Amino acid sequence: MLNTLRWIIGHAAMMPFTFSYFALSVLLGRRKALSLVGKALSNVSVMSLGTIIPEMHNNDSFSDFKSRIIRNFSSYKLLYDVEIQSESNEFAEFKVLNCPFTSAFKNFGTPELCRFACAGDFIIAKRNRSRWKFSRTHSHGTDGICCNHTYFSLDCKREESVDGKIERPEEKERY
């Protein structure tokens, strides 16, 4: 039942992007269609991730941010199968075991759109690089293993943390 609900939500949400990509590919070519649809998809991804990744205001501590993001990720547990891998005062690491949205793109035969759905994480990280750091070494959209998100305080000295460098979705996914 839960998997069916995830399937319906993922396919319903991603169908307009897939349809647009196929239609624009015929009219403009695959490369231009991928660029246009990918940009729109990344923008929608950022908007939807705004419900999970909280704003960190100047007077907020990383601890406050971490508490809110743990609460927010937990509220999406049924949709994404989210687990807290580890946490400390300086970081919170999540493992997402299911993504109905990238699964839908793969089922529709458009896995090339996955990276744009996943790019929202990095766009938000870039906007917040003066407040926290972000790292992701796996994603359902690229290697399909899982999606591991780690949020670090700026003071964190953990080796995996990255100091806000943002790359394009087609490049390595570590920011």
N, C-alpha and C. Protein backbone atom coordinates (compact mmCIF):
# COMPACT_ATOMS: atom_id res chain seq x y z
N MET A 1 0.82 -1.20 0.00
CA MET A 1 0.00 0.00 0.00
C MET A 1 0.87 1.27 0.00
N LEU A 2 1.87 1.32 0.90
CA LEU A 2 2.74 2.48 0.99
C LEU A 2 3.54 2.66 -0.30
N ASN A 3 4.05 1.57 -0.85
CA ASN A 3 4.81 1.66 -2.10
C ASN A 3 3.93 2.12 -3.26
N THR A 4 2.69 1.72 -3.26
CA THR A 4 1.76 2.16 -4.29
C THR A 4 1.51 3.66 -4.17
N LEU A 5 1.33 4.13 -2.96
CA LEU A 5 1.13 5.56 -2.74
C LEU A 5 2.36 6.35 -3.18
N ARG A 6 3.54 5.87 -2.84
CA ARG A 6 4.77 6.54 -3.27
C ARG A 6 4.86 6.58 -4.79
N TRP A 7 4.51 5.46 -5.43
CA TRP A 7 4.56 5.35 -6.89
C TRP A 7 3.63 6.39 -7.50
N ILE A 8 2.41 6.48 -6.99
CA ILE A 8 1.43 7.43 -7.53
C ILE A 8 1.92 8.86 -7.35
N ILE A 9 2.40 9.21 -6.17
CA ILE A 9 2.87 10.58 -5.90
C ILE A 9 4.06 10.92 -6.81
N GLY A 10 5.03 10.03 -6.87
CA GLY A 10 6.22 10.29 -7.70
C GLY A 10 5.90 10.44 -9.17
N HIS A 11 5.08 9.53 -9.69
CA HIS A 11 4.75 9.58 -11.11
C HIS A 11 3.86 10.78 -11.45
N ALA A 12 2.90 11.08 -10.59
CA ALA A 12 2.03 12.23 -10.85
C ALA A 12 2.82 13.54 -10.83
N ALA A 13 3.75 13.66 -9.89
CA ALA A 13 4.53 14.90 -9.78
C ALA A 13 5.54 15.06 -10.91
N MET A 14 6.10 13.98 -11.42
CA MET A 14 7.15 14.06 -12.43
C MET A 14 6.66 13.92 -13.87
N MET A 15 5.42 13.50 -14.04
CA MET A 15 4.87 13.33 -15.39
C MET A 15 4.91 14.62 -16.21
N PRO A 16 4.55 15.78 -15.67
CA PRO A 16 4.62 17.01 -16.48
C PRO A 16 6.03 17.32 -16.98
N PHE A 17 7.03 17.06 -16.17
CA PHE A 17 8.42 17.31 -16.60
C PHE A 17 8.83 16.34 -17.70
N THR A 18 8.44 15.09 -17.54
CA THR A 18 8.77 14.08 -18.55
C THR A 18 8.07 14.39 -19.87
N PHE A 19 6.79 14.72 -19.81
CA PHE A 19 6.05 15.07 -21.01
C PHE A 19 6.66 16.28 -21.70
N SER A 20 6.97 17.31 -20.90
CA SER A 20 7.58 18.51 -21.46
C SER A 20 8.91 18.20 -22.12
N TYR A 21 9.69 17.35 -21.48
CA TYR A 21 10.99 16.98 -22.03
C TYR A 21 10.84 16.26 -23.38
N PHE A 22 9.91 15.31 -23.45
CA PHE A 22 9.70 14.60 -24.71
C PHE A 22 9.20 15.54 -25.80
N ALA A 23 8.23 16.40 -25.48
CA ALA A 23 7.67 17.33 -26.47
C ALA A 23 8.72 18.33 -26.94
N LEU A 24 9.46 18.91 -26.01
CA LEU A 24 10.48 19.88 -26.39
C LEU A 24 11.65 19.24 -27.13
N SER A 25 11.92 17.98 -26.84
CA SER A 25 12.99 17.27 -27.57
C SER A 25 12.67 17.19 -29.06
N VAL A 26 11.42 16.97 -29.38
CA VAL A 26 11.00 16.90 -30.78
C VAL A 26 11.12 18.27 -31.44
N LEU A 27 10.75 19.30 -30.71
CA LEU A 27 10.75 20.65 -31.28
C LEU A 27 12.13 21.31 -31.29
N LEU A 28 12.90 21.12 -30.20
CA LEU A 28 14.14 21.87 -30.03
C LEU A 28 15.40 21.02 -30.00
N GLY A 29 15.24 19.73 -29.90
CA GLY A 29 16.38 18.84 -29.73
C GLY A 29 16.54 18.47 -28.27
N ARG A 30 17.16 17.32 -28.01
CA ARG A 30 17.29 16.80 -26.65
C ARG A 30 18.10 17.71 -25.72
N ARG A 31 19.19 18.23 -26.23
CA ARG A 31 20.07 19.04 -25.38
C ARG A 31 19.36 20.31 -24.88
N LYS A 32 18.71 21.02 -25.76
CA LYS A 32 18.00 22.25 -25.38
C LYS A 32 16.81 21.91 -24.48
N ALA A 33 16.10 20.83 -24.80
CA ALA A 33 14.96 20.41 -23.98
C ALA A 33 15.43 20.05 -22.57
N LEU A 34 16.55 19.35 -22.48
CA LEU A 34 17.08 18.97 -21.17
C LEU A 34 17.46 20.21 -20.37
N SER A 35 18.03 21.18 -21.03
CA SER A 35 18.41 22.42 -20.35
C SER A 35 17.18 23.17 -19.83
N LEU A 36 16.17 23.31 -20.65
CA LEU A 36 14.97 24.06 -20.25
C LEU A 36 14.18 23.34 -19.16
N VAL A 37 13.91 22.07 -19.38
CA VAL A 37 13.13 21.30 -18.40
C VAL A 37 13.95 21.11 -17.12
N GLY A 38 15.25 20.89 -17.28
CA GLY A 38 16.11 20.72 -16.11
C GLY A 38 16.12 21.94 -15.22
N LYS A 39 16.16 23.12 -15.81
CA LYS A 39 16.14 24.35 -15.02
C LYS A 39 14.83 24.49 -14.26
N ALA A 40 13.74 24.23 -14.93
CA ALA A 40 12.42 24.31 -14.28
C ALA A 40 12.32 23.28 -13.16
N LEU A 41 12.80 22.08 -13.42
CA LEU A 41 12.75 21.01 -12.42
C LEU A 41 13.60 21.36 -11.20
N SER A 42 14.78 21.92 -11.41
CA SER A 42 15.62 22.33 -10.29
C SER A 42 14.94 23.41 -9.45
N ASN A 43 14.26 24.34 -10.11
CA ASN A 43 13.55 25.40 -9.39
C ASN A 43 12.42 24.82 -8.54
N VAL A 44 11.68 23.88 -9.08
CA VAL A 44 10.60 23.24 -8.32
C VAL A 44 11.18 22.42 -7.17
N SER A 45 12.31 21.79 -7.41
CA SER A 45 12.98 21.02 -6.36
C SER A 45 13.37 21.92 -5.20
N VAL A 46 13.90 23.08 -5.50
CA VAL A 46 14.28 24.04 -4.44
C VAL A 46 13.04 24.46 -3.65
N MET A 47 11.95 24.73 -4.34
CA MET A 47 10.72 25.14 -3.63
C MET A 47 10.22 24.04 -2.71
N SER A 48 10.22 22.81 -3.19
CA SER A 48 9.70 21.72 -2.36
C SER A 48 10.65 21.38 -1.22
N LEU A 49 11.95 21.49 -1.45
CA LEU A 49 12.91 21.23 -0.38
C LEU A 49 12.87 22.29 0.71
N GLY A 50 12.31 23.43 0.40
CA GLY A 50 12.14 24.48 1.39
C GLY A 50 11.27 24.04 2.57
N THR A 51 10.45 23.03 2.35
CA THR A 51 9.64 22.50 3.45
C THR A 51 10.44 21.57 4.35
N ILE A 52 11.58 21.11 3.86
CA ILE A 52 12.42 20.19 4.64
C ILE A 52 13.62 20.91 5.24
N ILE A 53 14.32 21.67 4.43
CA ILE A 53 15.53 22.36 4.87
C ILE A 53 15.13 23.74 5.39
N PRO A 54 15.19 23.94 6.70
CA PRO A 54 14.69 25.19 7.28
C PRO A 54 15.64 26.37 7.03
N GLU A 55 15.07 27.55 7.09
CA GLU A 55 15.88 28.77 7.03
C GLU A 55 16.69 28.85 8.32
N MET A 56 17.93 29.24 8.19
CA MET A 56 18.76 29.47 9.37
C MET A 56 19.04 30.96 9.41
N HIS A 57 18.41 31.64 10.35
CA HIS A 57 18.55 33.08 10.47
C HIS A 57 19.83 33.41 11.23
N ASN A 58 20.26 34.63 11.11
CA ASN A 58 21.53 35.05 11.71
C ASN A 58 21.64 34.77 13.19
N ASN A 59 20.54 34.86 13.92
CA ASN A 59 20.62 34.65 15.37
C ASN A 59 20.39 33.18 15.75
N ASP A 60 20.16 32.30 14.78
CA ASP A 60 19.98 30.88 15.05
C ASP A 60 21.33 30.20 15.25
N SER A 61 21.35 29.22 16.11
CA SER A 61 22.55 28.41 16.26
C SER A 61 22.42 27.20 15.34
N PHE A 62 23.54 26.55 15.07
CA PHE A 62 23.48 25.34 14.26
C PHE A 62 22.62 24.28 14.96
N SER A 63 22.65 24.28 16.28
CA SER A 63 21.85 23.33 17.05
C SER A 63 20.36 23.51 16.78
N ASP A 64 19.90 24.74 16.70
CA ASP A 64 18.50 25.03 16.37
C ASP A 64 18.17 24.54 14.96
N PHE A 65 19.05 24.87 14.03
CA PHE A 65 18.88 24.43 12.64
C PHE A 65 18.81 22.91 12.58
N LYS A 66 19.74 22.24 13.25
CA LYS A 66 19.80 20.78 13.24
C LYS A 66 18.51 20.17 13.80
N SER A 67 18.02 20.72 14.88
CA SER A 67 16.77 20.21 15.48
C SER A 67 15.61 20.33 14.50
N ARG A 68 15.54 21.46 13.82
CA ARG A 68 14.44 21.67 12.87
C ARG A 68 14.57 20.77 11.64
N ILE A 69 15.78 20.58 11.14
CA ILE A 69 15.92 19.75 9.95
C ILE A 69 15.67 18.27 10.28
N ILE A 70 16.05 17.84 11.47
CA ILE A 70 15.74 16.47 11.88
C ILE A 70 14.23 16.29 11.98
N ARG A 71 13.55 17.25 12.59
CA ARG A 71 12.09 17.18 12.67
C ARG A 71 11.47 17.16 11.28
N ASN A 72 11.95 18.02 10.39
CA ASN A 72 11.38 18.11 9.05
C ASN A 72 11.62 16.85 8.23
N PHE A 73 12.84 16.32 8.27
CA PHE A 73 13.13 15.08 7.55
C PHE A 73 12.26 13.94 8.10
N SER A 74 12.09 13.91 9.40
CA SER A 74 11.29 12.85 10.02
C SER A 74 9.84 12.89 9.56
N SER A 75 9.33 14.08 9.29
CA SER A 75 7.94 14.19 8.85
C SER A 75 7.74 13.66 7.43
N TYR A 76 8.82 13.51 6.67
CA TYR A 76 8.75 12.96 5.32
C TYR A 76 9.17 11.49 5.27
N LYS A 77 9.29 10.87 6.42
CA LYS A 77 9.80 9.50 6.51
C LYS A 77 8.99 8.52 5.67
N LEU A 78 7.68 8.63 5.66
CA LEU A 78 6.86 7.69 4.90
C LEU A 78 7.07 7.82 3.39
N LEU A 79 7.32 9.02 2.93
CA LEU A 79 7.52 9.23 1.50
C LEU A 79 8.91 8.80 1.06
N TYR A 80 9.92 9.14 1.85
CA TYR A 80 11.30 8.92 1.45
C TYR A 80 12.05 7.81 2.19
N ASP A 81 11.52 7.22 3.23
CA ASP A 81 12.27 6.28 4.07
C ASP A 81 13.56 6.92 4.57
N VAL A 82 13.44 7.96 5.35
CA VAL A 82 14.60 8.71 5.85
C VAL A 82 15.04 8.14 7.19
N GLU A 83 16.35 7.97 7.32
CA GLU A 83 16.95 7.55 8.59
C GLU A 83 18.01 8.57 9.00
N ILE A 84 18.12 8.81 10.29
CA ILE A 84 19.23 9.62 10.79
C ILE A 84 20.39 8.67 10.98
N GLN A 85 21.45 8.85 10.21
CA GLN A 85 22.62 7.98 10.28
C GLN A 85 23.47 8.28 11.51
N SER A 86 23.75 9.55 11.70
CA SER A 86 24.52 9.97 12.88
C SER A 86 24.34 11.47 13.06
N GLU A 87 24.64 11.91 14.27
CA GLU A 87 24.56 13.33 14.55
C GLU A 87 25.45 13.67 15.72
N SER A 88 25.84 14.92 15.77
CA SER A 88 26.61 15.45 16.89
C SER A 88 26.24 16.92 17.01
N ASN A 89 26.94 17.65 17.83
CA ASN A 89 26.69 19.09 17.93
C ASN A 89 27.05 19.81 16.63
N GLU A 90 27.93 19.19 15.84
CA GLU A 90 28.45 19.86 14.64
C GLU A 90 27.86 19.37 13.32
N PHE A 91 27.12 18.28 13.32
CA PHE A 91 26.58 17.78 12.05
C PHE A 91 25.37 16.90 12.28
N ALA A 92 24.62 16.70 11.18
CA ALA A 92 23.51 15.75 11.14
C ALA A 92 23.59 15.05 9.80
N GLU A 93 23.57 13.73 9.83
CA GLU A 93 23.70 12.94 8.61
C GLU A 93 22.46 12.09 8.41
N PHE A 94 21.85 12.19 7.23
CA PHE A 94 20.64 11.47 6.90
C PHE A 94 20.89 10.50 5.75
N LYS A 95 20.13 9.43 5.75
CA LYS A 95 20.17 8.47 4.66
C LYS A 95 18.75 8.30 4.15
N VAL A 96 18.55 8.64 2.88
CA VAL A 96 17.25 8.52 2.24
C VAL A 96 17.27 7.24 1.42
N LEU A 97 16.39 6.31 1.77
CA LEU A 97 16.41 4.99 1.15
C LEU A 97 15.47 4.86 -0.05
N ASN A 98 14.60 5.83 -0.24
CA ASN A 98 13.62 5.76 -1.31
C ASN A 98 13.37 7.16 -1.84
N CYS A 99 13.33 7.32 -3.13
CA CYS A 99 12.94 8.59 -3.73
C CYS A 99 11.93 8.31 -4.84
N PRO A 100 10.66 8.58 -4.61
CA PRO A 100 9.65 8.30 -5.62
C PRO A 100 9.79 9.15 -6.88
N PHE A 101 10.47 10.28 -6.76
CA PHE A 101 10.60 11.19 -7.89
C PHE A 101 11.66 10.72 -8.89
N THR A 102 12.83 10.35 -8.40
CA THR A 102 13.84 9.83 -9.32
C THR A 102 13.43 8.45 -9.84
N SER A 103 12.72 7.68 -9.03
CA SER A 103 12.21 6.38 -9.51
C SER A 103 11.25 6.59 -10.67
N ALA A 104 10.42 7.62 -10.58
CA ALA A 104 9.48 7.91 -11.66
C ALA A 104 10.23 8.26 -12.94
N PHE A 105 11.26 9.10 -12.85
CA PHE A 105 12.01 9.45 -14.05
C PHE A 105 12.65 8.21 -14.68
N LYS A 106 13.18 7.34 -13.87
CA LYS A 106 13.77 6.11 -14.40
C LYS A 106 12.70 5.25 -15.06
N ASN A 107 11.53 5.14 -14.44
CA ASN A 107 10.43 4.37 -15.01
C ASN A 107 9.92 4.97 -16.32
N PHE A 108 9.93 6.30 -16.41
CA PHE A 108 9.49 6.98 -17.63
C PHE A 108 10.55 6.92 -18.73
N GLY A 109 11.73 6.41 -18.42
CA GLY A 109 12.81 6.34 -19.42
C GLY A 109 13.56 7.65 -19.57
N THR A 110 13.52 8.48 -18.53
CA THR A 110 14.21 9.78 -18.59
C THR A 110 15.13 9.95 -17.38
N PRO A 111 16.07 9.03 -17.18
CA PRO A 111 16.97 9.16 -16.03
C PRO A 111 17.85 10.40 -16.09
N GLU A 112 18.00 10.98 -17.27
CA GLU A 112 18.82 12.19 -17.40
C GLU A 112 18.20 13.38 -16.67
N LEU A 113 16.92 13.31 -16.34
CA LEU A 113 16.28 14.38 -15.57
C LEU A 113 16.54 14.27 -14.07
N CYS A 114 16.96 13.11 -13.62
CA CYS A 114 17.17 12.88 -12.18
C CYS A 114 18.13 13.89 -11.57
N ARG A 115 19.22 14.16 -12.25
CA ARG A 115 20.23 15.04 -11.65
C ARG A 115 19.68 16.45 -11.38
N PHE A 116 18.69 16.86 -12.16
CA PHE A 116 18.10 18.17 -11.94
C PHE A 116 17.15 18.16 -10.75
N ALA A 117 16.48 17.05 -10.54
CA ALA A 117 15.63 16.91 -9.35
C ALA A 117 16.50 16.92 -8.10
N CYS A 118 17.67 16.32 -8.20
CA CYS A 118 18.60 16.24 -7.06
C CYS A 118 19.40 17.53 -6.86
N ALA A 119 19.43 18.39 -7.84
CA ALA A 119 20.25 19.60 -7.78
C ALA A 119 19.75 20.61 -6.75
N GLY A 120 18.51 20.51 -6.36
CA GLY A 120 17.95 21.45 -5.40
C GLY A 120 18.73 21.50 -4.09
N ASP A 121 19.24 20.34 -3.67
CA ASP A 121 20.04 20.29 -2.45
C ASP A 121 21.23 21.24 -2.53
N PHE A 122 21.89 21.24 -3.66
CA PHE A 122 23.10 22.03 -3.82
C PHE A 122 22.81 23.50 -4.03
N ILE A 123 21.69 23.79 -4.65
CA ILE A 123 21.29 25.19 -4.83
C ILE A 123 21.01 25.81 -3.46
N ILE A 124 20.30 25.07 -2.62
CA ILE A 124 20.01 25.55 -1.27
C ILE A 124 21.31 25.65 -0.46
N ALA A 125 22.21 24.68 -0.62
CA ALA A 125 23.49 24.72 0.09
C ALA A 125 24.30 25.96 -0.31
N LYS A 126 24.28 26.29 -1.59
CA LYS A 126 25.02 27.47 -2.05
C LYS A 126 24.45 28.74 -1.42
N ARG A 127 23.14 28.82 -1.33
CA ARG A 127 22.50 29.99 -0.75
C ARG A 127 22.81 30.14 0.74
N ASN A 128 23.14 29.03 1.38
CA ASN A 128 23.36 29.03 2.83
C ASN A 128 24.81 28.77 3.22
N ARG A 129 25.73 28.91 2.30
CA ARG A 129 27.12 28.57 2.60
C ARG A 129 27.76 29.43 3.68
N SER A 130 27.16 30.55 3.98
CA SER A 130 27.68 31.38 5.09
C SER A 130 27.09 30.95 6.43
N ARG A 131 26.19 29.95 6.41
CA ARG A 131 25.54 29.50 7.64
C ARG A 131 25.85 28.05 8.00
N TRP A 132 25.97 27.17 6.97
CA TRP A 132 26.27 25.76 7.19
C TRP A 132 26.88 25.16 5.93
N LYS A 133 27.46 23.97 6.06
CA LYS A 133 28.06 23.26 4.94
C LYS A 133 27.25 22.00 4.65
N PHE A 134 27.37 21.51 3.45
CA PHE A 134 26.58 20.36 3.00
C PHE A 134 27.46 19.41 2.20
N SER A 135 27.16 18.13 2.33
CA SER A 135 27.85 17.13 1.54
C SER A 135 26.87 16.03 1.17
N ARG A 136 27.00 15.51 -0.03
CA ARG A 136 26.24 14.34 -0.45
C ARG A 136 27.12 13.55 -1.40
N THR A 137 27.37 12.29 -1.06
CA THR A 137 28.23 11.47 -1.90
C THR A 137 27.46 10.46 -2.74
N HIS A 138 26.20 10.23 -2.40
CA HIS A 138 25.35 9.32 -3.17
C HIS A 138 23.99 9.97 -3.38
N SER A 139 23.35 9.62 -4.48
CA SER A 139 21.97 10.04 -4.69
C SER A 139 21.25 8.99 -5.52
N HIS A 140 19.96 8.90 -5.31
CA HIS A 140 19.15 7.96 -6.10
C HIS A 140 19.21 8.33 -7.57
N GLY A 141 19.34 9.59 -7.85
CA GLY A 141 19.34 10.06 -9.23
C GLY A 141 20.61 9.75 -10.00
N THR A 142 21.72 9.49 -9.30
CA THR A 142 22.97 9.23 -10.01
C THR A 142 23.42 7.78 -9.87
N ASP A 143 23.71 7.35 -8.66
CA ASP A 143 24.19 5.97 -8.51
C ASP A 143 23.13 5.03 -7.96
N GLY A 144 22.02 5.57 -7.49
CA GLY A 144 20.91 4.74 -7.08
C GLY A 144 21.05 3.99 -5.78
N ILE A 145 22.16 4.13 -5.08
CA ILE A 145 22.38 3.39 -3.84
C ILE A 145 21.46 3.92 -2.74
N CYS A 146 21.56 5.18 -2.49
CA CYS A 146 20.78 5.89 -1.49
C CYS A 146 21.05 7.37 -1.74
N CYS A 147 20.50 8.18 -0.90
CA CYS A 147 20.82 9.60 -0.96
C CYS A 147 21.26 9.98 0.44
N ASN A 148 22.52 10.34 0.58
CA ASN A 148 23.02 10.68 1.91
C ASN A 148 23.31 12.18 2.00
N HIS A 149 22.59 12.81 2.88
CA HIS A 149 22.72 14.24 3.10
C HIS A 149 23.42 14.45 4.43
N THR A 150 24.43 15.30 4.45
CA THR A 150 25.07 15.67 5.71
C THR A 150 25.15 17.19 5.77
N TYR A 151 24.66 17.73 6.87
CA TYR A 151 24.69 19.16 7.12
C TYR A 151 25.67 19.39 8.26
N PHE A 152 26.60 20.33 8.06
CA PHE A 152 27.68 20.60 9.01
C PHE A 152 27.61 22.04 9.50
N SER A 153 28.00 22.24 10.75
CA SER A 153 28.18 23.61 11.21
C SER A 153 29.43 24.16 10.53
N LEU A 154 29.54 25.45 10.47
CA LEU A 154 30.74 26.06 9.86
C LEU A 154 32.00 25.75 10.66
N ASP A 155 31.84 25.45 11.94
CA ASP A 155 32.98 25.15 12.80
C ASP A 155 33.43 23.69 12.72
N CYS A 156 32.68 22.88 12.05
CA CYS A 156 32.97 21.44 12.01
C CYS A 156 34.29 21.18 11.29
N LYS A 157 35.10 20.34 11.89
CA LYS A 157 36.40 19.99 11.31
C LYS A 157 36.40 18.60 10.70
N ARG A 158 35.23 17.97 10.67
CA ARG A 158 35.12 16.63 10.10
C ARG A 158 35.58 16.63 8.65
N GLU A 159 36.30 15.63 8.27
CA GLU A 159 36.97 15.60 6.98
C GLU A 159 36.00 15.66 5.80
N GLU A 160 34.81 15.08 5.93
CA GLU A 160 33.88 15.05 4.81
C GLU A 160 33.25 16.40 4.52
N SER A 161 33.36 17.32 5.45
CA SER A 161 32.69 18.59 5.22
C SER A 161 33.38 19.35 4.10
N VAL A 162 32.57 20.10 3.39
CA VAL A 162 33.06 20.85 2.25
C VAL A 162 32.68 22.30 2.48
N ASP A 163 33.54 23.21 2.15
CA ASP A 163 33.32 24.60 2.51
C ASP A 163 32.53 25.40 1.49
N GLY A 164 31.42 24.86 1.08
CA GLY A 164 30.48 25.65 0.30
C GLY A 164 30.73 25.70 -1.19
N LYS A 165 31.67 24.95 -1.71
CA LYS A 165 31.90 24.96 -3.14
C LYS A 165 30.70 24.33 -3.84
N ILE A 166 30.16 25.02 -4.80
CA ILE A 166 29.00 24.54 -5.52
C ILE A 166 29.41 24.24 -6.95
N GLU A 167 29.05 23.08 -7.40
CA GLU A 167 29.34 22.68 -8.76
C GLU A 167 28.03 22.50 -9.50
N ARG A 168 28.08 22.36 -10.77
CA ARG A 168 26.89 22.13 -11.57
C ARG A 168 26.40 20.71 -11.36
N PRO A 169 25.09 20.45 -11.60
CA PRO A 169 24.55 19.11 -11.37
C PRO A 169 25.29 18.02 -12.15
N GLU A 170 25.84 18.36 -13.29
CA GLU A 170 26.52 17.33 -14.07
C GLU A 170 27.92 17.02 -13.53
N GLU A 171 28.40 17.82 -12.59
CA GLU A 171 29.69 17.57 -11.99
C GLU A 171 29.52 16.75 -10.72
N LYS A 172 30.61 16.45 -10.07
CA LYS A 172 30.58 15.65 -8.84
C LYS A 172 29.68 16.31 -7.80
N GLU A 173 28.91 15.49 -7.09
CA GLU A 173 27.91 16.01 -6.18
C GLU A 173 28.42 16.14 -4.76
N ARG A 174 29.31 17.07 -4.53
CA ARG A 174 29.80 17.39 -3.20
C ARG A 174 29.93 18.88 -3.05
N TYR A 175 29.29 19.42 -2.09
CA TYR A 175 29.27 20.87 -1.94
C TYR A 175 29.54 21.26 -0.53
